[in-house]
């Protein structure tokens, strides 16, 4: 079941496929068992990038840094 169309927003934001995949992996680590929160946080990150509030490089974090969407 899909909750949010984050992929559409990612395309509109111009997020490259490989960067979206990396973002998906990072968010999945934060929400391994909650599909709705996983998709919601992906959507929020993509919307922030689309609006210009963030750049994809700011969202993609090193493995040990803090969460951007907390």
C-alpha atoms as a PDB file:
ATOM      1  CA  UNK A   1       0.000   0.000   0.000  1.00  0.00           C
ATOM      2  CA  UNK A   2       1.255   3.465  -0.912  1.00  0.00           C
ATOM      3  CA  UNK A   3       0.428   6.469   1.259  1.00  0.00           C
ATOM      4  CA  UNK A   4       2.157   9.395  -0.495  1.00  0.00           C
ATOM      5  CA  UNK A   5       3.376  10.040  -4.033  1.00  0.00           C
ATOM      6  CA  UNK A   6       6.841  11.210  -3.005  1.00  0.00           C
ATOM      7  CA  UNK A   7       8.294   9.970  -6.301  1.00  0.00           C
ATOM      8  CA  UNK A   8       6.250  12.533  -8.254  1.00  0.00           C
ATOM      9  CA  UNK A   9       7.478  15.345  -6.003  1.00  0.00           C
ATOM     10  CA  UNK A  10      11.050  14.044  -6.313  1.00  0.00           C
ATOM     11  CA  UNK A  11      10.783  14.198 -10.114  1.00  0.00           C
ATOM     12  CA  UNK A  12       9.326  17.713  -9.948  1.00  0.00           C
ATOM     13  CA  UNK A  13      12.165  18.722  -7.612  1.00  0.00           C
ATOM     14  CA  UNK A  14      14.737  17.375 -10.080  1.00  0.00           C
ATOM     15  CA  UNK A  15      16.180  14.875  -7.623  1.00  0.00           C
ATOM     16  CA  UNK A  16      18.318  12.375  -9.561  1.00  0.00           C
ATOM     17  CA  UNK A  17      17.259   8.732  -9.252  1.00  0.00           C
ATOM     18  CA  UNK A  18      20.475   7.655  -7.531  1.00  0.00           C
ATOM     19  CA  UNK A  19      20.147  10.408  -4.923  1.00  0.00           C
ATOM     20  CA  UNK A  20      16.508   9.511  -4.285  1.00  0.00           C
ATOM     21  CA  UNK A  21      17.573   5.901  -3.751  1.00  0.00           C
ATOM     22  CA  UNK A  22      20.180   7.006  -1.209  1.00  0.00           C
ATOM     23  CA  UNK A  23      17.582   9.146   0.552  1.00  0.00           C
ATOM     24  CA  UNK A  24      15.201   6.182   0.611  1.00  0.00           C
ATOM     25  CA  UNK A  25      17.858   3.994   2.246  1.00  0.00           C
ATOM     26  CA  UNK A  26      18.559   6.595   4.902  1.00  0.00           C
ATOM     27  CA  UNK A  27      14.914   7.171   5.725  1.00  0.00           C
ATOM     28  CA  UNK A  28      14.249   3.419   5.811  1.00  0.00           C
ATOM     29  CA  UNK A  29      16.924   3.108   8.508  1.00  0.00           C
ATOM     30  CA  UNK A  30      15.020   5.647  10.587  1.00  0.00           C
ATOM     31  CA  UNK A  31      11.621   3.981  10.008  1.00  0.00           C
ATOM     32  CA  UNK A  32      12.231   0.281   9.324  1.00  0.00           C
ATOM     33  CA  UNK A  33       8.752  -0.889  10.370  1.00  0.00           C
ATOM     34  CA  UNK A  34       6.454   2.052   9.703  1.00  0.00           C
ATOM     35  CA  UNK A  35       5.642   2.454   6.022  1.00  0.00           C
ATOM     36  CA  UNK A  36       3.506   5.563   6.464  1.00  0.00           C
ATOM     37  CA  UNK A  37       6.160   7.478   8.422  1.00  0.00           C
ATOM     38  CA  UNK A  38       8.808   6.308   5.966  1.00  0.00           C
ATOM     39  CA  UNK A  39       6.861   7.714   3.024  1.00  0.00           C
ATOM     40  CA  UNK A  40       5.833  10.855   4.915  1.00  0.00           C
ATOM     41  CA  UNK A  41       9.433  11.739   5.701  1.00  0.00           C
ATOM     42  CA  UNK A  42      10.465  11.081   2.114  1.00  0.00           C
ATOM     43  CA  UNK A  43       7.646  13.344   0.951  1.00  0.00           C
ATOM     44  CA  UNK A  44       8.625  16.105   3.388  1.00  0.00           C
ATOM     45  CA  UNK A  45      12.260  15.981   2.302  1.00  0.00           C
ATOM     46  CA  UNK A  46      11.309  16.069  -1.390  1.00  0.00           C
ATOM     47  CA  UNK A  47       8.909  18.972  -0.812  1.00  0.00           C
ATOM     48  CA  UNK A  48      11.603  20.929   1.036  1.00  0.00           C
ATOM     49  CA  UNK A  49      14.002  20.372  -1.855  1.00  0.00           C
ATOM     50  CA  UNK A  50      11.348  21.327  -4.409  1.00  0.00           C
ATOM     51  CA  UNK A  51      10.553  24.569  -2.553  1.00  0.00           C
ATOM     52  CA  UNK A  52      14.231  25.494  -2.311  1.00  0.00           C
ATOM     53  CA  UNK A  53      14.311  25.311   1.485  1.00  0.00           C
ATOM     54  CA  UNK A  54      16.951  22.555   1.268  1.00  0.00           C
ATOM     55  CA  UNK A  55      19.325  21.098  -1.283  1.00  0.00           C
ATOM     56  CA  UNK A  56      19.554  17.344  -1.782  1.00  0.00           C
ATOM     57  CA  UNK A  57      23.149  17.450  -0.538  1.00  0.00           C
ATOM     58  CA  UNK A  58      21.902  18.864   2.787  1.00  0.00           C
ATOM     59  CA  UNK A  59      19.352  16.091   3.121  1.00  0.00           C
ATOM     60  CA  UNK A  60      21.727  13.249   2.276  1.00  0.00           C
ATOM     61  CA  UNK A  61      23.709  12.931   5.448  1.00  0.00           C
ATOM     62  CA  UNK A  62      26.749  10.932   6.379  1.00  0.00           C
ATOM     63  CA  UNK A  63      25.815   7.758   8.234  1.00  0.00           C
ATOM     64  CA  UNK A  64      26.667   9.150  11.688  1.00  0.00           C
ATOM     65  CA  UNK A  65      25.223  12.689  11.445  1.00  0.00           C
ATOM     66  CA  UNK A  66      21.940  13.890  12.896  1.00  0.00           C
ATOM     67  CA  UNK A  67      18.592  13.618  11.165  1.00  0.00           C
ATOM     68  CA  UNK A  68      17.554  16.522   8.953  1.00  0.00           C
ATOM     69  CA  UNK A  69      13.819  15.865   9.260  1.00  0.00           C
ATOM     70  CA  UNK A  70      13.578  15.375  13.016  1.00  0.00           C
END
